[in-house]
């Protein structure tokens, strides 16, 4: 097998940095490039860093110059952070993905594209199937901007794949990641001093441990398959049990008052909840991962409950730098 040449977008993020470190040590990988608007917080020896916005038209020139055969798109914004407005996140997700694909069209050496997407494309609905398979993305109602974004990105890459059959496009649809090093909406929720829940609801939650999230990405680079692939830990866990394992107190709130209560908490400095997280906490979501195991060849090491227990253990042994936040009921 010829040596691989790989470019990673969003290399300054946790998963981008860890993926680059893993690939640099792989004897079958000849070259690793990382693209981002800021350098990684930790040095990445052996990685060619390209300081460039994925939305920059210059990408159409810079990408072909690298001679890479594999592109890993790791720059989909799940939740706007500090300094990133919802509009900017939308542009990074949609315009950035279009720009990346336009650059890929100009790169004759590219044979594989792997996208770290989201199972949020399925949404969270009371009428959802017990487990979503990859063909069920159109079953739910598109309710949020992020859900629309990931649905558009799915369409972009599916169209690109049809137009370029020699390029294998793998769309990895991740359930929320959890783990000692993950800073996400869900891990922040589990770090609250008192966690709000929907009165009368105990949804089934499914996550993926950070170890398996990275392992699935590496496996998809080594064994890409066309189309969408769900990525999650096996099994589900009730939200109430998850919060008990994390040793969090809860305050059940009637559904009509939930948004008001969370809004009051936000004014007191509590982390805001996105519409997607709110629906997840009310209705849950689970996905089928047979394609990940049988075709990509990756079997997660952690179950969903095991991933939650590992995160809870890490919180107890080394309390997060994110201080426990109050919640207004």
Protein backbone atom coordinates (compact mmCIF):
# COMPACT_ATOMS: atom_id res chain seq x y z
CA UNK A 1 0.00 0.00 0.00
CA UNK A 2 1.42 3.43 -0.92
CA UNK A 3 2.09 5.89 1.89
CA UNK A 4 -0.83 8.12 2.78
CA UNK A 5 -0.84 11.92 2.63
CA UNK A 6 -3.56 13.38 4.88
CA UNK A 7 -4.93 16.87 5.58
CA UNK A 8 -7.06 17.62 8.67
CA UNK A 9 -9.29 20.68 8.92
CA UNK A 10 -9.88 22.06 12.41
CA UNK A 11 -6.55 20.71 13.58
CA UNK A 12 -6.43 23.08 16.58
CA UNK A 13 -9.44 21.40 18.19
CA UNK A 14 -9.07 18.54 20.66
CA UNK A 15 -10.01 15.83 18.16
CA UNK A 16 -8.02 17.47 15.35
CA UNK A 17 -4.87 17.62 17.47
CA UNK A 18 -5.22 14.08 18.81
CA UNK A 19 -5.89 12.71 15.33
CA UNK A 20 -2.81 14.46 13.95
CA UNK A 21 -0.67 13.01 16.77
CA UNK A 22 -2.00 9.52 16.03
CA UNK A 23 -1.42 9.79 12.28
CA UNK A 24 2.12 11.14 12.60
CA UNK A 25 3.06 7.94 14.45
CA UNK A 26 1.49 5.73 11.77
CA UNK A 27 4.24 4.17 9.59
CA UNK A 28 1.84 4.05 6.63
CA UNK A 29 1.33 7.82 6.71
CA UNK A 30 3.96 9.83 4.86
CA UNK A 31 2.65 13.36 5.37
CA UNK A 32 0.16 15.09 7.69
CA UNK A 33 -1.07 18.67 7.20
CA UNK A 34 -3.32 20.57 9.57
CA UNK A 35 -5.56 23.46 8.57
CA UNK A 36 -7.01 25.98 11.01
CA UNK A 37 -7.30 29.69 11.73
CA UNK A 38 -5.11 29.37 14.82
CA UNK A 39 -2.20 27.11 15.70
CA UNK A 40 -2.82 24.17 18.07
CA UNK A 41 -2.34 24.94 21.76
CA UNK A 42 0.31 22.21 21.93
CA UNK A 43 3.16 21.67 19.45
CA UNK A 44 2.55 19.08 16.72
CA UNK A 45 5.94 17.85 15.54
CA UNK A 46 5.80 16.40 12.05
CA UNK A 47 2.57 18.22 11.10
CA UNK A 48 2.63 20.85 8.35
CA UNK A 49 0.42 23.59 9.80
CA UNK A 50 -1.51 25.75 7.32
CA UNK A 51 -3.02 28.84 8.89
CA UNK A 52 -6.09 29.38 6.75
CA UNK A 53 -9.85 29.73 7.20
CA UNK A 54 -11.78 26.89 5.57
CA UNK A 55 -13.98 29.61 4.01
CA UNK A 56 -11.01 31.37 2.39
CA UNK A 57 -11.00 31.10 -1.44
CA UNK A 58 -7.22 30.61 -1.22
CA UNK A 59 -7.97 27.05 -0.08
CA UNK A 60 -8.67 26.13 -3.71
CA UNK A 61 -5.01 26.88 -4.42
CA UNK A 62 -3.37 25.66 -1.22
CA UNK A 63 -5.07 22.24 -1.01
CA UNK A 64 -3.83 20.94 -4.41
CA UNK A 65 -0.30 22.09 -3.51
CA UNK A 66 -0.17 19.62 -0.59
CA UNK A 67 -0.68 16.59 -2.84
CA UNK A 68 -2.81 14.87 -0.20
CA UNK A 69 -4.88 11.81 -1.03
CA UNK A 70 -7.12 12.02 2.07
CA UNK A 71 -9.00 14.98 3.58
CA UNK A 72 -10.51 14.76 7.07
CA UNK A 73 -13.12 17.47 7.58
CA UNK A 74 -13.06 18.10 11.31
CA UNK A 75 -14.30 21.69 11.36
CA UNK A 76 -18.06 21.44 11.82
CA UNK A 77 -19.14 23.75 14.64
CA UNK A 78 -21.51 21.95 17.02
CA UNK A 79 -22.22 24.95 19.21
CA UNK A 80 -20.98 28.54 18.76
CA UNK A 81 -18.45 29.39 21.44
CA UNK A 82 -16.94 32.64 22.61
CA UNK A 83 -16.16 34.90 19.68
CA UNK A 84 -18.22 32.77 17.26
CA UNK A 85 -21.72 34.03 16.49
CA UNK A 86 -24.49 31.69 15.30
CA UNK A 87 -24.17 33.27 11.85
CA UNK A 88 -20.41 32.68 11.78
CA UNK A 89 -20.92 29.06 12.87
CA UNK A 90 -23.44 28.62 10.06
CA UNK A 91 -20.97 30.05 7.54
CA UNK A 92 -18.14 27.81 8.76
CA UNK A 93 -20.40 24.78 8.53
CA UNK A 94 -22.08 25.44 5.20
CA UNK A 95 -19.89 27.88 3.25
CA UNK A 96 -16.73 26.28 4.64
CA UNK A 97 -17.83 22.78 3.59
CA UNK A 98 -18.72 24.02 0.11
CA UNK A 99 -15.34 25.74 -0.18
CA UNK A 100 -13.55 22.60 0.95
CA UNK A 101 -15.34 20.51 -1.67
CA UNK A 102 -14.54 23.07 -4.36
CA UNK A 103 -10.88 22.79 -3.38
CA UNK A 104 -11.13 18.98 -3.45
CA UNK A 105 -12.45 19.16 -7.02
CA UNK A 106 -9.24 20.97 -7.99
CA UNK A 107 -7.06 18.31 -6.30
CA UNK A 108 -6.54 15.32 -8.63
CA UNK A 109 -4.68 13.33 -5.96
CA UNK A 110 -7.61 13.07 -3.53
CA UNK A 111 -9.15 9.62 -3.17
CA UNK A 112 -10.79 9.77 0.28
CA UNK A 113 -12.82 12.33 2.23
CA UNK A 114 -13.85 11.59 5.82
CA UNK A 115 -16.22 13.97 7.61
CA UNK A 116 -16.69 14.15 11.38
CA UNK A 117 -20.39 14.92 11.17
CA UNK A 118 -23.22 14.62 13.66
CA UNK A 119 -26.11 12.30 14.49
CA UNK A 120 -27.93 15.54 15.24
CA UNK A 121 -29.11 15.28 11.64
CA UNK A 122 -31.75 12.81 12.91
CA UNK A 123 -33.08 15.24 15.50
CA UNK A 124 -34.82 14.19 18.72
CA UNK A 125 -38.51 13.41 18.40
CA UNK A 126 -41.13 11.56 20.50
CA UNK A 127 -42.04 9.49 17.44
CA UNK A 128 -38.45 8.53 16.56
CA UNK A 129 -37.54 4.88 15.92
CA UNK A 130 -35.80 2.98 18.68
CA UNK A 131 -32.52 3.15 16.75
CA UNK A 132 -31.85 5.33 13.70
CA UNK A 133 -30.13 3.61 10.78
CA UNK A 134 -28.16 5.63 8.27
CA UNK A 135 -31.07 5.67 5.79
CA UNK A 136 -33.41 7.44 8.25
CA UNK A 137 -32.03 10.98 8.13
CA UNK A 138 -35.16 12.28 6.41
CA UNK A 139 -37.63 10.87 8.96
CA UNK A 140 -37.47 13.66 11.51
CA UNK A 141 -38.56 17.28 11.37
CA UNK A 142 -35.75 19.78 10.81
CA UNK A 143 -36.14 22.14 13.76
CA UNK A 144 -32.84 23.91 14.46
CA UNK A 145 -30.19 25.79 12.50
CA UNK A 146 -27.57 23.19 13.41
CA UNK A 147 -29.79 20.34 12.23
CA UNK A 148 -30.30 22.18 8.93
CA UNK A 149 -26.56 22.76 8.66
CA UNK A 150 -25.61 19.11 9.08
CA UNK A 151 -28.39 18.05 6.70
CA UNK A 152 -26.99 20.43 4.08
CA UNK A 153 -23.46 19.17 4.65
CA UNK A 154 -24.69 15.59 4.23
CA UNK A 155 -26.25 16.59 0.91
CA UNK A 156 -23.12 18.41 -0.28
CA UNK A 157 -20.89 15.39 0.27
CA UNK A 158 -23.41 12.92 -1.15
CA UNK A 159 -23.63 15.04 -4.31
CA UNK A 160 -19.85 15.30 -4.52
CA UNK A 161 -19.58 11.52 -4.18
CA UNK A 162 -22.01 10.96 -7.07
CA UNK A 163 -20.11 13.39 -9.26
CA UNK A 164 -16.72 11.91 -8.35
CA UNK A 165 -17.19 8.13 -8.01
CA UNK A 166 -13.44 7.56 -7.69
CA UNK A 167 -13.42 9.50 -4.41
CA UNK A 168 -14.77 7.66 -1.35
CA UNK A 169 -16.74 10.03 0.89
CA UNK A 170 -17.42 8.74 4.40
CA UNK A 171 -19.85 10.77 6.53
CA UNK A 172 -19.41 9.83 10.19
CA UNK A 173 -22.53 10.74 12.19
CA UNK A 174 -21.38 11.09 15.79
CA UNK A 175 -23.51 10.92 18.87
CA UNK A 176 -22.40 13.43 21.57
CA UNK A 177 -18.84 12.74 22.72
CA UNK A 178 -18.03 12.37 26.39
CA UNK A 179 -14.80 11.87 28.28
CA UNK A 180 -12.29 13.48 30.63
CA UNK A 181 -10.86 15.73 27.89
CA UNK A 182 -14.10 16.67 26.13
CA UNK A 183 -15.60 20.11 26.65
CA UNK A 184 -19.07 19.98 25.11
CA UNK A 185 -22.63 20.95 25.91
CA UNK A 186 -23.32 17.52 27.37
CA UNK A 187 -20.21 17.43 29.57
CA UNK A 188 -21.00 20.94 30.79
CA UNK A 189 -24.54 19.84 31.56
CA UNK A 190 -23.19 16.93 33.60
CA UNK A 191 -20.93 19.39 35.46
CA UNK A 192 -23.81 21.53 36.73
CA UNK A 193 -24.32 21.68 40.49
CA UNK A 194 -28.02 21.02 39.86
CA UNK A 195 -29.14 19.69 36.49
CA UNK A 196 -32.55 20.70 35.15
CA UNK A 197 -34.66 17.93 33.65
CA UNK A 198 -38.06 17.81 31.97
CA UNK A 199 -40.70 16.77 34.46
CA UNK A 200 -42.14 13.39 33.49
CA UNK A 201 -39.44 12.56 30.92
CA UNK A 202 -36.54 10.13 31.27
CA UNK A 203 -35.16 9.84 27.72
CA UNK A 204 -32.72 7.23 26.45
CA UNK A 205 -29.35 8.86 25.86
CA UNK A 206 -26.52 7.44 23.76
CA UNK A 207 -23.00 8.87 23.69
CA UNK A 208 -19.56 7.96 22.38
CA UNK A 209 -16.45 7.93 24.56
CA UNK A 210 -13.64 10.21 23.39
CA UNK A 211 -11.36 7.17 22.95
CA UNK A 212 -13.86 5.55 20.60
CA UNK A 213 -14.67 8.81 18.82
CA UNK A 214 -11.02 9.10 17.84
CA UNK A 215 -10.67 5.38 17.14
CA UNK A 216 -13.61 5.42 14.74
CA UNK A 217 -12.11 8.37 12.89
CA UNK A 218 -8.77 6.60 12.50
CA UNK A 219 -10.51 3.43 11.35
CA UNK A 220 -12.55 5.32 8.75
CA UNK A 221 -9.37 6.86 7.34
CA UNK A 222 -7.79 3.42 7.04
CA UNK A 223 -10.96 1.69 5.76
CA UNK A 224 -13.26 4.32 4.20
CA UNK A 225 -16.70 3.29 3.03
CA UNK A 226 -19.06 5.34 0.88
CA UNK A 227 -21.98 7.08 2.54
CA UNK A 228 -23.04 7.70 6.12
CA UNK A 229 -21.85 5.72 9.16
CA UNK A 230 -23.27 6.14 12.67
CA UNK A 231 -20.69 6.44 15.46
CA UNK A 232 -21.76 5.73 19.04
CA UNK A 233 -21.06 3.51 22.00
CA UNK A 234 -23.27 0.41 22.25
CA UNK A 235 -26.44 0.67 24.28
CA UNK A 236 -28.33 3.55 25.85
CA UNK A 237 -28.83 4.92 29.34
CA UNK A 238 -31.73 6.78 30.91
CA UNK A 239 -30.98 10.43 31.65
CA UNK A 240 -31.92 9.95 35.29
CA UNK A 241 -29.44 7.09 35.69
CA UNK A 242 -26.77 9.10 33.89
CA UNK A 243 -27.18 11.97 36.35
CA UNK A 244 -27.11 9.58 39.33
CA UNK A 245 -23.85 8.06 38.08
CA UNK A 246 -22.45 11.59 37.72
CA UNK A 247 -23.72 12.33 41.26
CA UNK A 248 -25.65 15.37 40.11
CA UNK A 249 -28.70 16.70 41.88
CA UNK A 250 -31.68 17.34 39.60
CA UNK A 251 -34.59 19.75 39.46
CA UNK A 252 -37.53 18.54 37.34
CA UNK A 253 -39.21 21.42 35.49
CA UNK A 254 -42.56 21.28 33.67
CA UNK A 255 -42.02 21.44 29.91
CA UNK A 256 -43.78 24.81 29.38
CA UNK A 257 -41.49 26.43 31.99
CA UNK A 258 -38.20 24.83 30.96
CA UNK A 259 -37.08 27.57 28.55
CA UNK A 260 -37.96 30.27 31.10
CA UNK A 261 -36.05 28.50 33.88
CA UNK A 262 -32.98 27.95 31.71
CA UNK A 263 -33.15 31.58 30.56
CA UNK A 264 -33.13 32.71 34.18
CA UNK A 265 -30.13 30.48 34.83
CA UNK A 266 -28.32 31.99 31.86
CA UNK A 267 -28.75 35.47 33.33
CA UNK A 268 -27.10 34.14 36.50
CA UNK A 269 -24.12 32.87 34.52
CA UNK A 270 -25.22 29.31 33.75
CA UNK A 271 -24.28 27.75 30.42
CA UNK A 272 -26.98 28.21 27.81
CA UNK A 273 -28.70 25.15 26.32
CA UNK A 274 -29.03 24.96 22.56
CA UNK A 275 -32.39 23.90 21.06
CA UNK A 276 -30.77 20.61 20.03
CA UNK A 277 -29.62 19.82 23.58
CA UNK A 278 -33.01 20.72 25.02
CA UNK A 279 -34.79 18.27 22.70
CA UNK A 280 -32.15 15.61 23.42
CA UNK A 281 -32.79 16.02 27.16
CA UNK A 282 -36.51 15.65 26.55
CA UNK A 283 -36.76 12.89 23.93
CA UNK A 284 -33.27 11.34 23.64
CA UNK A 285 -31.85 9.64 20.55
CA UNK A 286 -30.21 6.32 19.70
CA UNK A 287 -28.52 5.11 16.52
CA UNK A 288 -27.67 1.75 15.01
CA UNK A 289 -23.90 1.15 14.71
CA UNK A 290 -23.76 -2.10 12.74
CA UNK A 291 -22.17 -0.41 9.74
CA UNK A 292 -19.37 1.00 11.91
CA UNK A 293 -18.58 -2.47 13.25
CA UNK A 294 -19.17 -4.61 10.16
CA UNK A 295 -17.94 -2.36 7.33
CA UNK A 296 -15.52 0.16 8.84
CA UNK A 297 -14.24 -2.55 11.17
CA UNK A 298 -14.26 -0.56 14.41
CA UNK A 299 -15.86 -1.95 17.57
CA UNK A 300 -16.14 0.65 20.39
CA UNK A 301 -14.34 -0.24 23.60
CA UNK A 302 -16.80 1.57 25.90
CA UNK A 303 -20.54 1.03 26.22
CA UNK A 304 -22.65 4.13 26.74
CA UNK A 305 -22.92 3.44 30.47
CA UNK A 306 -19.20 2.67 30.63
CA UNK A 307 -18.42 5.99 28.94
CA UNK A 308 -20.59 7.86 31.45
CA UNK A 309 -18.94 6.06 34.37
CA UNK A 310 -15.47 6.88 33.05
CA UNK A 311 -16.40 10.55 32.73
CA UNK A 312 -17.91 10.59 36.23
CA UNK A 313 -14.79 8.94 37.66
CA UNK A 314 -12.57 11.54 36.00
CA UNK A 315 -14.75 14.36 37.39
CA UNK A 316 -14.37 12.99 40.92
CA UNK A 317 -10.63 12.30 40.68
CA UNK A 318 -9.66 15.53 38.91
CA UNK A 319 -12.44 18.12 39.16
CA UNK A 320 -12.92 20.01 35.92
CA UNK A 321 -11.61 23.51 35.56
CA UNK A 322 -15.21 24.31 34.68
CA UNK A 323 -16.63 25.12 38.09
CA UNK A 324 -19.99 23.60 38.92
CA UNK A 325 -22.58 26.07 37.73
CA UNK A 326 -25.81 27.00 39.56
CA UNK A 327 -29.17 26.56 37.92
CA UNK A 328 -32.27 28.63 38.57
CA UNK A 329 -35.46 26.70 39.07
